[in-house]
Amino acid sequence: TFDKPPNPRNREIVNRRASTKPTD
């Protein structure tokens, strides 16, 4: 979805490796 308004973010945060394990 694209419902939430965009927020400024740091490029390093965007490129940070993270887990995509679902919680549901």
PDBML (XML) file of the C-alpha atoms, coordinates in Angstrom:
<?xml version="1.0" encoding="UTF-8" ?>
<PDBx:datablock datablockName="MODEL"
   xmlns:PDBx="http://pdbml.pdb.org/schema/pdbx-v50.xsd"
   xmlns:xsi="http://www.w3.org/2001/XMLSchema-instance"
   xsi:schemaLocation="http://pdbml.pdb.org/schema/pdbx-v50.xsd pdbx-v50.xsd">
   <PDBx:atom_siteCategory>
      <PDBx:atom_site id="1">
         <PDBx:B_iso_or_equiv>0.00</PDBx:B_iso_or_equiv>
         <PDBx:Cartn_x>0.000</PDBx:Cartn_x>
         <PDBx:Cartn_y>0.000</PDBx:Cartn_y>
         <PDBx:Cartn_z>0.000</PDBx:Cartn_z>
         <PDBx:auth_asym_id>A</PDBx:auth_asym_id>
         <PDBx:auth_atom_id>CA</PDBx:auth_atom_id>
         <PDBx:auth_comp_id>THR</PDBx:auth_comp_id>
         <PDBx:auth_seq_id>1</PDBx:auth_seq_id>
         <PDBx:group_PDB>ATOM</PDBx:group_PDB>
         <PDBx:label_alt_id xsi:nil="true" />
         <PDBx:label_asym_id>A</PDBx:label_asym_id>
         <PDBx:label_atom_id>CA</PDBx:label_atom_id>
         <PDBx:label_comp_id>THR</PDBx:label_comp_id>
         <PDBx:label_entity_id>1</PDBx:label_entity_id>
         <PDBx:label_seq_id>1</PDBx:label_seq_id>
         <PDBx:occupancy>1.00</PDBx:occupancy>
         <PDBx:pdbx_PDB_model_num>1</PDBx:pdbx_PDB_model_num>
         <PDBx:type_symbol>C</PDBx:type_symbol>
      </PDBx:atom_site>
      <PDBx:atom_site id="2">
         <PDBx:B_iso_or_equiv>0.00</PDBx:B_iso_or_equiv>
         <PDBx:Cartn_x>0.924</PDBx:Cartn_x>
         <PDBx:Cartn_y>3.677</PDBx:Cartn_y>
         <PDBx:Cartn_z>-0.438</PDBx:Cartn_z>
         <PDBx:auth_asym_id>A</PDBx:auth_asym_id>
         <PDBx:auth_atom_id>CA</PDBx:auth_atom_id>
         <PDBx:auth_comp_id>PHE</PDBx:auth_comp_id>
         <PDBx:auth_seq_id>2</PDBx:auth_seq_id>
         <PDBx:group_PDB>ATOM</PDBx:group_PDB>
         <PDBx:label_alt_id xsi:nil="true" />
         <PDBx:label_asym_id>A</PDBx:label_asym_id>
         <PDBx:label_atom_id>CA</PDBx:label_atom_id>
         <PDBx:label_comp_id>PHE</PDBx:label_comp_id>
         <PDBx:label_entity_id>1</PDBx:label_entity_id>
         <PDBx:label_seq_id>2</PDBx:label_seq_id>
         <PDBx:occupancy>1.00</PDBx:occupancy>
         <PDBx:pdbx_PDB_model_num>1</PDBx:pdbx_PDB_model_num>
         <PDBx:type_symbol>C</PDBx:type_symbol>
      </PDBx:atom_site>
      <PDBx:atom_site id="3">
         <PDBx:B_iso_or_equiv>0.00</PDBx:B_iso_or_equiv>
         <PDBx:Cartn_x>-1.494</PDBx:Cartn_x>
         <PDBx:Cartn_y>5.239</PDBx:Cartn_y>
         <PDBx:Cartn_z>2.056</PDBx:Cartn_z>
         <PDBx:auth_asym_id>A</PDBx:auth_asym_id>
         <PDBx:auth_atom_id>CA</PDBx:auth_atom_id>
         <PDBx:auth_comp_id>ASP</PDBx:auth_comp_id>
         <PDBx:auth_seq_id>3</PDBx:auth_seq_id>
         <PDBx:group_PDB>ATOM</PDBx:group_PDB>
         <PDBx:label_alt_id xsi:nil="true" />
         <PDBx:label_asym_id>A</PDBx:label_asym_id>
         <PDBx:label_atom_id>CA</PDBx:label_atom_id>
         <PDBx:label_comp_id>ASP</PDBx:label_comp_id>
         <PDBx:label_entity_id>1</PDBx:label_entity_id>
         <PDBx:label_seq_id>3</PDBx:label_seq_id>
         <PDBx:occupancy>1.00</PDBx:occupancy>
         <PDBx:pdbx_PDB_model_num>1</PDBx:pdbx_PDB_model_num>
         <PDBx:type_symbol>C</PDBx:type_symbol>
      </PDBx:atom_site>
      <PDBx:atom_site id="4">
         <PDBx:B_iso_or_equiv>0.00</PDBx:B_iso_or_equiv>
         <PDBx:Cartn_x>0.916</PDBx:Cartn_x>
         <PDBx:Cartn_y>6.849</PDBx:Cartn_y>
         <PDBx:Cartn_z>4.510</PDBx:Cartn_z>
         <PDBx:auth_asym_id>A</PDBx:auth_asym_id>
         <PDBx:auth_atom_id>CA</PDBx:auth_atom_id>
         <PDBx:auth_comp_id>LYS</PDBx:auth_comp_id>
         <PDBx:auth_seq_id>4</PDBx:auth_seq_id>
         <PDBx:group_PDB>ATOM</PDBx:group_PDB>
         <PDBx:label_alt_id xsi:nil="true" />
         <PDBx:label_asym_id>A</PDBx:label_asym_id>
         <PDBx:label_atom_id>CA</PDBx:label_atom_id>
         <PDBx:label_comp_id>LYS</PDBx:label_comp_id>
         <PDBx:label_entity_id>1</PDBx:label_entity_id>
         <PDBx:label_seq_id>4</PDBx:label_seq_id>
         <PDBx:occupancy>1.00</PDBx:occupancy>
         <PDBx:pdbx_PDB_model_num>1</PDBx:pdbx_PDB_model_num>
         <PDBx:type_symbol>C</PDBx:type_symbol>
      </PDBx:atom_site>
      <PDBx:atom_site id="5">
         <PDBx:B_iso_or_equiv>0.00</PDBx:B_iso_or_equiv>
         <PDBx:Cartn_x>2.441</PDBx:Cartn_x>
         <PDBx:Cartn_y>10.226</PDBx:Cartn_y>
         <PDBx:Cartn_z>3.569</PDBx:Cartn_z>
         <PDBx:auth_asym_id>A</PDBx:auth_asym_id>
         <PDBx:auth_atom_id>CA</PDBx:auth_atom_id>
         <PDBx:auth_comp_id>PRO</PDBx:auth_comp_id>
         <PDBx:auth_seq_id>5</PDBx:auth_seq_id>
         <PDBx:group_PDB>ATOM</PDBx:group_PDB>
         <PDBx:label_alt_id xsi:nil="true" />
         <PDBx:label_asym_id>A</PDBx:label_asym_id>
         <PDBx:label_atom_id>CA</PDBx:label_atom_id>
         <PDBx:label_comp_id>PRO</PDBx:label_comp_id>
         <PDBx:label_entity_id>1</PDBx:label_entity_id>
         <PDBx:label_seq_id>5</PDBx:label_seq_id>
         <PDBx:occupancy>1.00</PDBx:occupancy>
         <PDBx:pdbx_PDB_model_num>1</PDBx:pdbx_PDB_model_num>
         <PDBx:type_symbol>C</PDBx:type_symbol>
      </PDBx:atom_site>
      <PDBx:atom_site id="6">
         <PDBx:B_iso_or_equiv>0.00</PDBx:B_iso_or_equiv>
         <PDBx:Cartn_x>6.140</PDBx:Cartn_x>
         <PDBx:Cartn_y>10.202</PDBx:Cartn_y>
         <PDBx:Cartn_z>2.650</PDBx:Cartn_z>
         <PDBx:auth_asym_id>A</PDBx:auth_asym_id>
         <PDBx:auth_atom_id>CA</PDBx:auth_atom_id>
         <PDBx:auth_comp_id>PRO</PDBx:auth_comp_id>
         <PDBx:auth_seq_id>6</PDBx:auth_seq_id>
         <PDBx:group_PDB>ATOM</PDBx:group_PDB>
         <PDBx:label_alt_id xsi:nil="true" />
         <PDBx:label_asym_id>A</PDBx:label_asym_id>
         <PDBx:label_atom_id>CA</PDBx:label_atom_id>
         <PDBx:label_comp_id>PRO</PDBx:label_comp_id>
         <PDBx:label_entity_id>1</PDBx:label_entity_id>
         <PDBx:label_seq_id>6</PDBx:label_seq_id>
         <PDBx:occupancy>1.00</PDBx:occupancy>
         <PDBx:pdbx_PDB_model_num>1</PDBx:pdbx_PDB_model_num>
         <PDBx:type_symbol>C</PDBx:type_symbol>
      </PDBx:atom_site>
      <PDBx:atom_site id="7">
         <PDBx:B_iso_or_equiv>0.00</PDBx:B_iso_or_equiv>
         <PDBx:Cartn_x>8.672</PDBx:Cartn_x>
         <PDBx:Cartn_y>11.032</PDBx:Cartn_y>
         <PDBx:Cartn_z>5.343</PDBx:Cartn_z>
         <PDBx:auth_asym_id>A</PDBx:auth_asym_id>
         <PDBx:auth_atom_id>CA</PDBx:auth_atom_id>
         <PDBx:auth_comp_id>ASN</PDBx:auth_comp_id>
         <PDBx:auth_seq_id>7</PDBx:auth_seq_id>
         <PDBx:group_PDB>ATOM</PDBx:group_PDB>
         <PDBx:label_alt_id xsi:nil="true" />
         <PDBx:label_asym_id>A</PDBx:label_asym_id>
         <PDBx:label_atom_id>CA</PDBx:label_atom_id>
         <PDBx:label_comp_id>ASN</PDBx:label_comp_id>
         <PDBx:label_entity_id>1</PDBx:label_entity_id>
         <PDBx:label_seq_id>7</PDBx:label_seq_id>
         <PDBx:occupancy>1.00</PDBx:occupancy>
         <PDBx:pdbx_PDB_model_num>1</PDBx:pdbx_PDB_model_num>
         <PDBx:type_symbol>C</PDBx:type_symbol>
      </PDBx:atom_site>
      <PDBx:atom_site id="8">
         <PDBx:B_iso_or_equiv>0.00</PDBx:B_iso_or_equiv>
         <PDBx:Cartn_x>12.239</PDBx:Cartn_x>
         <PDBx:Cartn_y>12.234</PDBx:Cartn_y>
         <PDBx:Cartn_z>4.861</PDBx:Cartn_z>
         <PDBx:auth_asym_id>A</PDBx:auth_asym_id>
         <PDBx:auth_atom_id>CA</PDBx:auth_atom_id>
         <PDBx:auth_comp_id>PRO</PDBx:auth_comp_id>
         <PDBx:auth_seq_id>8</PDBx:auth_seq_id>
         <PDBx:group_PDB>ATOM</PDBx:group_PDB>
         <PDBx:label_alt_id xsi:nil="true" />
         <PDBx:label_asym_id>A</PDBx:label_asym_id>
         <PDBx:label_atom_id>CA</PDBx:label_atom_id>
         <PDBx:label_comp_id>PRO</PDBx:label_comp_id>
         <PDBx:label_entity_id>1</PDBx:label_entity_id>
         <PDBx:label_seq_id>8</PDBx:label_seq_id>
         <PDBx:occupancy>1.00</PDBx:occupancy>
         <PDBx:pdbx_PDB_model_num>1</PDBx:pdbx_PDB_model_num>
         <PDBx:type_symbol>C</PDBx:type_symbol>
      </PDBx:atom_site>
      <PDBx:atom_site id="9">
         <PDBx:B_iso_or_equiv>0.00</PDBx:B_iso_or_equiv>
         <PDBx:Cartn_x>14.737</PDBx:Cartn_x>
         <PDBx:Cartn_y>9.511</PDBx:Cartn_y>
         <PDBx:Cartn_z>5.390</PDBx:Cartn_z>
         <PDBx:auth_asym_id>A</PDBx:auth_asym_id>
         <PDBx:auth_atom_id>CA</PDBx:auth_atom_id>
         <PDBx:auth_comp_id>ARG</PDBx:auth_comp_id>
         <PDBx:auth_seq_id>9</PDBx:auth_seq_id>
         <PDBx:group_PDB>ATOM</PDBx:group_PDB>
         <PDBx:label_alt_id xsi:nil="true" />
         <PDBx:label_asym_id>A</PDBx:label_asym_id>
         <PDBx:label_atom_id>CA</PDBx:label_atom_id>
         <PDBx:label_comp_id>ARG</PDBx:label_comp_id>
         <PDBx:label_entity_id>1</PDBx:label_entity_id>
         <PDBx:label_seq_id>9</PDBx:label_seq_id>
         <PDBx:occupancy>1.00</PDBx:occupancy>
         <PDBx:pdbx_PDB_model_num>1</PDBx:pdbx_PDB_model_num>
         <PDBx:type_symbol>C</PDBx:type_symbol>
      </PDBx:atom_site>
      <PDBx:atom_site id="10">
         <PDBx:B_iso_or_equiv>0.00</PDBx:B_iso_or_equiv>
         <PDBx:Cartn_x>18.466</PDBx:Cartn_x>
         <PDBx:Cartn_y>9.019</PDBx:Cartn_y>
         <PDBx:Cartn_z>5.367</PDBx:Cartn_z>
         <PDBx:auth_asym_id>A</PDBx:auth_asym_id>
         <PDBx:auth_atom_id>CA</PDBx:auth_atom_id>
         <PDBx:auth_comp_id>ASN</PDBx:auth_comp_id>
         <PDBx:auth_seq_id>10</PDBx:auth_seq_id>
         <PDBx:group_PDB>ATOM</PDBx:group_PDB>
         <PDBx:label_alt_id xsi:nil="true" />
         <PDBx:label_asym_id>A</PDBx:label_asym_id>
         <PDBx:label_atom_id>CA</PDBx:label_atom_id>
         <PDBx:label_comp_id>ASN</PDBx:label_comp_id>
         <PDBx:label_entity_id>1</PDBx:label_entity_id>
         <PDBx:label_seq_id>10</PDBx:label_seq_id>
         <PDBx:occupancy>1.00</PDBx:occupancy>
         <PDBx:pdbx_PDB_model_num>1</PDBx:pdbx_PDB_model_num>
         <PDBx:type_symbol>C</PDBx:type_symbol>
      </PDBx:atom_site>
      <PDBx:atom_site id="11">
         <PDBx:B_iso_or_equiv>0.00</PDBx:B_iso_or_equiv>
         <PDBx:Cartn_x>19.876</PDBx:Cartn_x>
         <PDBx:Cartn_y>7.091</PDBx:Cartn_y>
         <PDBx:Cartn_z>2.378</PDBx:Cartn_z>
         <PDBx:auth_asym_id>A</PDBx:auth_asym_id>
         <PDBx:auth_atom_id>CA</PDBx:auth_atom_id>
         <PDBx:auth_comp_id>ARG</PDBx:auth_comp_id>
         <PDBx:auth_seq_id>11</PDBx:auth_seq_id>
         <PDBx:group_PDB>ATOM</PDBx:group_PDB>
         <PDBx:label_alt_id xsi:nil="true" />
         <PDBx:label_asym_id>A</PDBx:label_asym_id>
         <PDBx:label_atom_id>CA</PDBx:label_atom_id>
         <PDBx:label_comp_id>ARG</PDBx:label_comp_id>
         <PDBx:label_entity_id>1</PDBx:label_entity_id>
         <PDBx:label_seq_id>11</PDBx:label_seq_id>
         <PDBx:occupancy>1.00</PDBx:occupancy>
         <PDBx:pdbx_PDB_model_num>1</PDBx:pdbx_PDB_model_num>
         <PDBx:type_symbol>C</PDBx:type_symbol>
      </PDBx:atom_site>
      <PDBx:atom_site id="12">
         <PDBx:B_iso_or_equiv>0.00</PDBx:B_iso_or_equiv>
         <PDBx:Cartn_x>22.025</PDBx:Cartn_x>
         <PDBx:Cartn_y>4.965</PDBx:Cartn_y>
         <PDBx:Cartn_z>4.685</PDBx:Cartn_z>
         <PDBx:auth_asym_id>A</PDBx:auth_asym_id>
         <PDBx:auth_atom_id>CA</PDBx:auth_atom_id>
         <PDBx:auth_comp_id>GLU</PDBx:auth_comp_id>
         <PDBx:auth_seq_id>12</PDBx:auth_seq_id>
         <PDBx:group_PDB>ATOM</PDBx:group_PDB>
         <PDBx:label_alt_id xsi:nil="true" />
         <PDBx:label_asym_id>A</PDBx:label_asym_id>
         <PDBx:label_atom_id>CA</PDBx:label_atom_id>
         <PDBx:label_comp_id>GLU</PDBx:label_comp_id>
         <PDBx:label_entity_id>1</PDBx:label_entity_id>
         <PDBx:label_seq_id>12</PDBx:label_seq_id>
         <PDBx:occupancy>1.00</PDBx:occupancy>
         <PDBx:pdbx_PDB_model_num>1</PDBx:pdbx_PDB_model_num>
         <PDBx:type_symbol>C</PDBx:type_symbol>
      </PDBx:atom_site>
      <PDBx:atom_site id="13">
         <PDBx:B_iso_or_equiv>0.00</PDBx:B_iso_or_equiv>
         <PDBx:Cartn_x>18.921</PDBx:Cartn_x>
         <PDBx:Cartn_y>3.945</PDBx:Cartn_y>
         <PDBx:Cartn_z>6.607</PDBx:Cartn_z>
         <PDBx:auth_asym_id>A</PDBx:auth_asym_id>
         <PDBx:auth_atom_id>CA</PDBx:auth_atom_id>
         <PDBx:auth_comp_id>ILE</PDBx:auth_comp_id>
         <PDBx:auth_seq_id>13</PDBx:auth_seq_id>
         <PDBx:group_PDB>ATOM</PDBx:group_PDB>
         <PDBx:label_alt_id xsi:nil="true" />
         <PDBx:label_asym_id>A</PDBx:label_asym_id>
         <PDBx:label_atom_id>CA</PDBx:label_atom_id>
         <PDBx:label_comp_id>ILE</PDBx:label_comp_id>
         <PDBx:label_entity_id>1</PDBx:label_entity_id>
         <PDBx:label_seq_id>13</PDBx:label_seq_id>
         <PDBx:occupancy>1.00</PDBx:occupancy>
         <PDBx:pdbx_PDB_model_num>1</PDBx:pdbx_PDB_model_num>
         <PDBx:type_symbol>C</PDBx:type_symbol>
      </PDBx:atom_site>
      <PDBx:atom_site id="14">
         <PDBx:B_iso_or_equiv>0.00</PDBx:B_iso_or_equiv>
         <PDBx:Cartn_x>17.134</PDBx:Cartn_x>
         <PDBx:Cartn_y>3.074</PDBx:Cartn_y>
         <PDBx:Cartn_z>3.386</PDBx:Cartn_z>
         <PDBx:auth_asym_id>A</PDBx:auth_asym_id>
         <PDBx:auth_atom_id>CA</PDBx:auth_atom_id>
         <PDBx:auth_comp_id>VAL</PDBx:auth_comp_id>
         <PDBx:auth_seq_id>14</PDBx:auth_seq_id>
         <PDBx:group_PDB>ATOM</PDBx:group_PDB>
         <PDBx:label_alt_id xsi:nil="true" />
         <PDBx:label_asym_id>A</PDBx:label_asym_id>
         <PDBx:label_atom_id>CA</PDBx:label_atom_id>
         <PDBx:label_comp_id>VAL</PDBx:label_comp_id>
         <PDBx:label_entity_id>1</PDBx:label_entity_id>
         <PDBx:label_seq_id>14</PDBx:label_seq_id>
         <PDBx:occupancy>1.00</PDBx:occupancy>
         <PDBx:pdbx_PDB_model_num>1</PDBx:pdbx_PDB_model_num>
         <PDBx:type_symbol>C</PDBx:type_symbol>
      </PDBx:atom_site>
      <PDBx:atom_site id="15">
         <PDBx:B_iso_or_equiv>0.00</PDBx:B_iso_or_equiv>
         <PDBx:Cartn_x>20.005</PDBx:Cartn_x>
         <PDBx:Cartn_y>0.884</PDBx:Cartn_y>
         <PDBx:Cartn_z>2.240</PDBx:Cartn_z>
         <PDBx:auth_asym_id>A</PDBx:auth_asym_id>
         <PDBx:auth_atom_id>CA</PDBx:auth_atom_id>
         <PDBx:auth_comp_id>ASN</PDBx:auth_comp_id>
         <PDBx:auth_seq_id>15</PDBx:auth_seq_id>
         <PDBx:group_PDB>ATOM</PDBx:group_PDB>
         <PDBx:label_alt_id xsi:nil="true" />
         <PDBx:label_asym_id>A</PDBx:label_asym_id>
         <PDBx:label_atom_id>CA</PDBx:label_atom_id>
         <PDBx:label_comp_id>ASN</PDBx:label_comp_id>
         <PDBx:label_entity_id>1</PDBx:label_entity_id>
         <PDBx:label_seq_id>15</PDBx:label_seq_id>
         <PDBx:occupancy>1.00</PDBx:occupancy>
         <PDBx:pdbx_PDB_model_num>1</PDBx:pdbx_PDB_model_num>
         <PDBx:type_symbol>C</PDBx:type_symbol>
      </PDBx:atom_site>
      <PDBx:atom_site id="16">
         <PDBx:B_iso_or_equiv>0.00</PDBx:B_iso_or_equiv>
         <PDBx:Cartn_x>20.471</PDBx:Cartn_x>
         <PDBx:Cartn_y>-0.791</PDBx:Cartn_y>
         <PDBx:Cartn_z>5.611</PDBx:Cartn_z>
         <PDBx:auth_asym_id>A</PDBx:auth_asym_id>
         <PDBx:auth_atom_id>CA</PDBx:auth_atom_id>
         <PDBx:auth_comp_id>ARG</PDBx:auth_comp_id>
         <PDBx:auth_seq_id>16</PDBx:auth_seq_id>
         <PDBx:group_PDB>ATOM</PDBx:group_PDB>
         <PDBx:label_alt_id xsi:nil="true" />
         <PDBx:label_asym_id>A</PDBx:label_asym_id>
         <PDBx:label_atom_id>CA</PDBx:label_atom_id>
         <PDBx:label_comp_id>ARG</PDBx:label_comp_id>
         <PDBx:label_entity_id>1</PDBx:label_entity_id>
         <PDBx:label_seq_id>16</PDBx:label_seq_id>
         <PDBx:occupancy>1.00</PDBx:occupancy>
         <PDBx:pdbx_PDB_model_num>1</PDBx:pdbx_PDB_model_num>
         <PDBx:type_symbol>C</PDBx:type_symbol>
      </PDBx:atom_site>
      <PDBx:atom_site id="17">
         <PDBx:B_iso_or_equiv>0.00</PDBx:B_iso_or_equiv>
         <PDBx:Cartn_x>20.089</PDBx:Cartn_x>
         <PDBx:Cartn_y>-4.542</PDBx:Cartn_y>
         <PDBx:Cartn_z>5.509</PDBx:Cartn_z>
         <PDBx:auth_asym_id>A</PDBx:auth_asym_id>
         <PDBx:auth_atom_id>CA</PDBx:auth_atom_id>
         <PDBx:auth_comp_id>ARG</PDBx:auth_comp_id>
         <PDBx:auth_seq_id>17</PDBx:auth_seq_id>
         <PDBx:group_PDB>ATOM</PDBx:group_PDB>
         <PDBx:label_alt_id xsi:nil="true" />
         <PDBx:label_asym_id>A</PDBx:label_asym_id>
         <PDBx:label_atom_id>CA</PDBx:label_atom_id>
         <PDBx:label_comp_id>ARG</PDBx:label_comp_id>
         <PDBx:label_entity_id>1</PDBx:label_entity_id>
         <PDBx:label_seq_id>17</PDBx:label_seq_id>
         <PDBx:occupancy>1.00</PDBx:occupancy>
         <PDBx:pdbx_PDB_model_num>1</PDBx:pdbx_PDB_model_num>
         <PDBx:type_symbol>C</PDBx:type_symbol>
      </PDBx:atom_site>
      <PDBx:atom_site id="18">
         <PDBx:B_iso_or_equiv>0.00</PDBx:B_iso_or_equiv>
         <PDBx:Cartn_x>17.023</PDBx:Cartn_x>
         <PDBx:Cartn_y>-5.640</PDBx:Cartn_y>
         <PDBx:Cartn_z>7.476</PDBx:Cartn_z>
         <PDBx:auth_asym_id>A</PDBx:auth_asym_id>
         <PDBx:auth_atom_id>CA</PDBx:auth_atom_id>
         <PDBx:auth_comp_id>ALA</PDBx:auth_comp_id>
         <PDBx:auth_seq_id>18</PDBx:auth_seq_id>
         <PDBx:group_PDB>ATOM</PDBx:group_PDB>
         <PDBx:label_alt_id xsi:nil="true" />
         <PDBx:label_asym_id>A</PDBx:label_asym_id>
         <PDBx:label_atom_id>CA</PDBx:label_atom_id>
         <PDBx:label_comp_id>ALA</PDBx:label_comp_id>
         <PDBx:label_entity_id>1</PDBx:label_entity_id>
         <PDBx:label_seq_id>18</PDBx:label_seq_id>
         <PDBx:occupancy>1.00</PDBx:occupancy>
         <PDBx:pdbx_PDB_model_num>1</PDBx:pdbx_PDB_model_num>
         <PDBx:type_symbol>C</PDBx:type_symbol>
      </PDBx:atom_site>
      <PDBx:atom_site id="19">
         <PDBx:B_iso_or_equiv>0.00</PDBx:B_iso_or_equiv>
         <PDBx:Cartn_x>14.967</PDBx:Cartn_x>
         <PDBx:Cartn_y>-8.676</PDBx:Cartn_y>
         <PDBx:Cartn_z>8.088</PDBx:Cartn_z>
         <PDBx:auth_asym_id>A</PDBx:auth_asym_id>
         <PDBx:auth_atom_id>CA</PDBx:auth_atom_id>
         <PDBx:auth_comp_id>SER</PDBx:auth_comp_id>
         <PDBx:auth_seq_id>19</PDBx:auth_seq_id>
         <PDBx:group_PDB>ATOM</PDBx:group_PDB>
         <PDBx:label_alt_id xsi:nil="true" />
         <PDBx:label_asym_id>A</PDBx:label_asym_id>
         <PDBx:label_atom_id>CA</PDBx:label_atom_id>
         <PDBx:label_comp_id>SER</PDBx:label_comp_id>
         <PDBx:label_entity_id>1</PDBx:label_entity_id>
         <PDBx:label_seq_id>19</PDBx:label_seq_id>
         <PDBx:occupancy>1.00</PDBx:occupancy>
         <PDBx:pdbx_PDB_model_num>1</PDBx:pdbx_PDB_model_num>
         <PDBx:type_symbol>C</PDBx:type_symbol>
      </PDBx:atom_site>
      <PDBx:atom_site id="20">
         <PDBx:B_iso_or_equiv>0.00</PDBx:B_iso_or_equiv>
         <PDBx:Cartn_x>11.705</PDBx:Cartn_x>
         <PDBx:Cartn_y>-9.137</PDBx:Cartn_y>
         <PDBx:Cartn_z>6.197</PDBx:Cartn_z>
         <PDBx:auth_asym_id>A</PDBx:auth_asym_id>
         <PDBx:auth_atom_id>CA</PDBx:auth_atom_id>
         <PDBx:auth_comp_id>THR</PDBx:auth_comp_id>
         <PDBx:auth_seq_id>20</PDBx:auth_seq_id>
         <PDBx:group_PDB>ATOM</PDBx:group_PDB>
         <PDBx:label_alt_id xsi:nil="true" />
         <PDBx:label_asym_id>A</PDBx:label_asym_id>
         <PDBx:label_atom_id>CA</PDBx:label_atom_id>
         <PDBx:label_comp_id>THR</PDBx:label_comp_id>
         <PDBx:label_entity_id>1</PDBx:label_entity_id>
         <PDBx:label_seq_id>20</PDBx:label_seq_id>
         <PDBx:occupancy>1.00</PDBx:occupancy>
         <PDBx:pdbx_PDB_model_num>1</PDBx:pdbx_PDB_model_num>
         <PDBx:type_symbol>C</PDBx:type_symbol>
      </PDBx:atom_site>
      <PDBx:atom_site id="21">
         <PDBx:B_iso_or_equiv>0.00</PDBx:B_iso_or_equiv>
         <PDBx:Cartn_x>10.354</PDBx:Cartn_x>
         <PDBx:Cartn_y>-11.907</PDBx:Cartn_y>
         <PDBx:Cartn_z>8.393</PDBx:Cartn_z>
         <PDBx:auth_asym_id>A</PDBx:auth_asym_id>
         <PDBx:auth_atom_id>CA</PDBx:auth_atom_id>
         <PDBx:auth_comp_id>LYS</PDBx:auth_comp_id>
         <PDBx:auth_seq_id>21</PDBx:auth_seq_id>
         <PDBx:group_PDB>ATOM</PDBx:group_PDB>
         <PDBx:label_alt_id xsi:nil="true" />
         <PDBx:label_asym_id>A</PDBx:label_asym_id>
         <PDBx:label_atom_id>CA</PDBx:label_atom_id>
         <PDBx:label_comp_id>LYS</PDBx:label_comp_id>
         <PDBx:label_entity_id>1</PDBx:label_entity_id>
         <PDBx:label_seq_id>21</PDBx:label_seq_id>
         <PDBx:occupancy>1.00</PDBx:occupancy>
         <PDBx:pdbx_PDB_model_num>1</PDBx:pdbx_PDB_model_num>
         <PDBx:type_symbol>C</PDBx:type_symbol>
      </PDBx:atom_site>
      <PDBx:atom_site id="22">
         <PDBx:B_iso_or_equiv>0.00</PDBx:B_iso_or_equiv>
         <PDBx:Cartn_x>6.575</PDBx:Cartn_x>
         <PDBx:Cartn_y>-11.342</PDBx:Cartn_y>
         <PDBx:Cartn_z>8.599</PDBx:Cartn_z>
         <PDBx:auth_asym_id>A</PDBx:auth_asym_id>
         <PDBx:auth_atom_id>CA</PDBx:auth_atom_id>
         <PDBx:auth_comp_id>PRO</PDBx:auth_comp_id>
         <PDBx:auth_seq_id>22</PDBx:auth_seq_id>
         <PDBx:group_PDB>ATOM</PDBx:group_PDB>
         <PDBx:label_alt_id xsi:nil="true" />
         <PDBx:label_asym_id>A</PDBx:label_asym_id>
         <PDBx:label_atom_id>CA</PDBx:label_atom_id>
         <PDBx:label_comp_id>PRO</PDBx:label_comp_id>
         <PDBx:label_entity_id>1</PDBx:label_entity_id>
         <PDBx:label_seq_id>22</PDBx:label_seq_id>
         <PDBx:occupancy>1.00</PDBx:occupancy>
         <PDBx:pdbx_PDB_model_num>1</PDBx:pdbx_PDB_model_num>
         <PDBx:type_symbol>C</PDBx:type_symbol>
      </PDBx:atom_site>
      <PDBx:atom_site id="23">
         <PDBx:B_iso_or_equiv>0.00</PDBx:B_iso_or_equiv>
         <PDBx:Cartn_x>4.936</PDBx:Cartn_x>
         <PDBx:Cartn_y>-10.997</PDBx:Cartn_y>
         <PDBx:Cartn_z>11.971</PDBx:Cartn_z>
         <PDBx:auth_asym_id>A</PDBx:auth_asym_id>
         <PDBx:auth_atom_id>CA</PDBx:auth_atom_id>
         <PDBx:auth_comp_id>THR</PDBx:auth_comp_id>
         <PDBx:auth_seq_id>23</PDBx:auth_seq_id>
         <PDBx:group_PDB>ATOM</PDBx:group_PDB>
         <PDBx:label_alt_id xsi:nil="true" />
         <PDBx:label_asym_id>A</PDBx:label_asym_id>
         <PDBx:label_atom_id>CA</PDBx:label_atom_id>
         <PDBx:label_comp_id>THR</PDBx:label_comp_id>
         <PDBx:label_entity_id>1</PDBx:label_entity_id>
         <PDBx:label_seq_id>23</PDBx:label_seq_id>
         <PDBx:occupancy>1.00</PDBx:occupancy>
         <PDBx:pdbx_PDB_model_num>1</PDBx:pdbx_PDB_model_num>
         <PDBx:type_symbol>C</PDBx:type_symbol>
      </PDBx:atom_site>
      <PDBx:atom_site id="24">
         <PDBx:B_iso_or_equiv>0.00</PDBx:B_iso_or_equiv>
         <PDBx:Cartn_x>1.529</PDBx:Cartn_x>
         <PDBx:Cartn_y>-12.225</PDBx:Cartn_y>
         <PDBx:Cartn_z>10.830</PDBx:Cartn_z>
         <PDBx:auth_asym_id>A</PDBx:auth_asym_id>
         <PDBx:auth_atom_id>CA</PDBx:auth_atom_id>
         <PDBx:auth_comp_id>ASP</PDBx:auth_comp_id>
         <PDBx:auth_seq_id>24</PDBx:auth_seq_id>
         <PDBx:group_PDB>ATOM</PDBx:group_PDB>
         <PDBx:label_alt_id xsi:nil="true" />
         <PDBx:label_asym_id>A</PDBx:label_asym_id>
         <PDBx:label_atom_id>CA</PDBx:label_atom_id>
         <PDBx:label_comp_id>ASP</PDBx:label_comp_id>
         <PDBx:label_entity_id>1</PDBx:label_entity_id>
         <PDBx:label_seq_id>24</PDBx:label_seq_id>
         <PDBx:occupancy>1.00</PDBx:occupancy>
         <PDBx:pdbx_PDB_model_num>1</PDBx:pdbx_PDB_model_num>
         <PDBx:type_symbol>C</PDBx:type_symbol>
      </PDBx:atom_site>
   </PDBx:atom_siteCategory>
</PDBx:datablock>
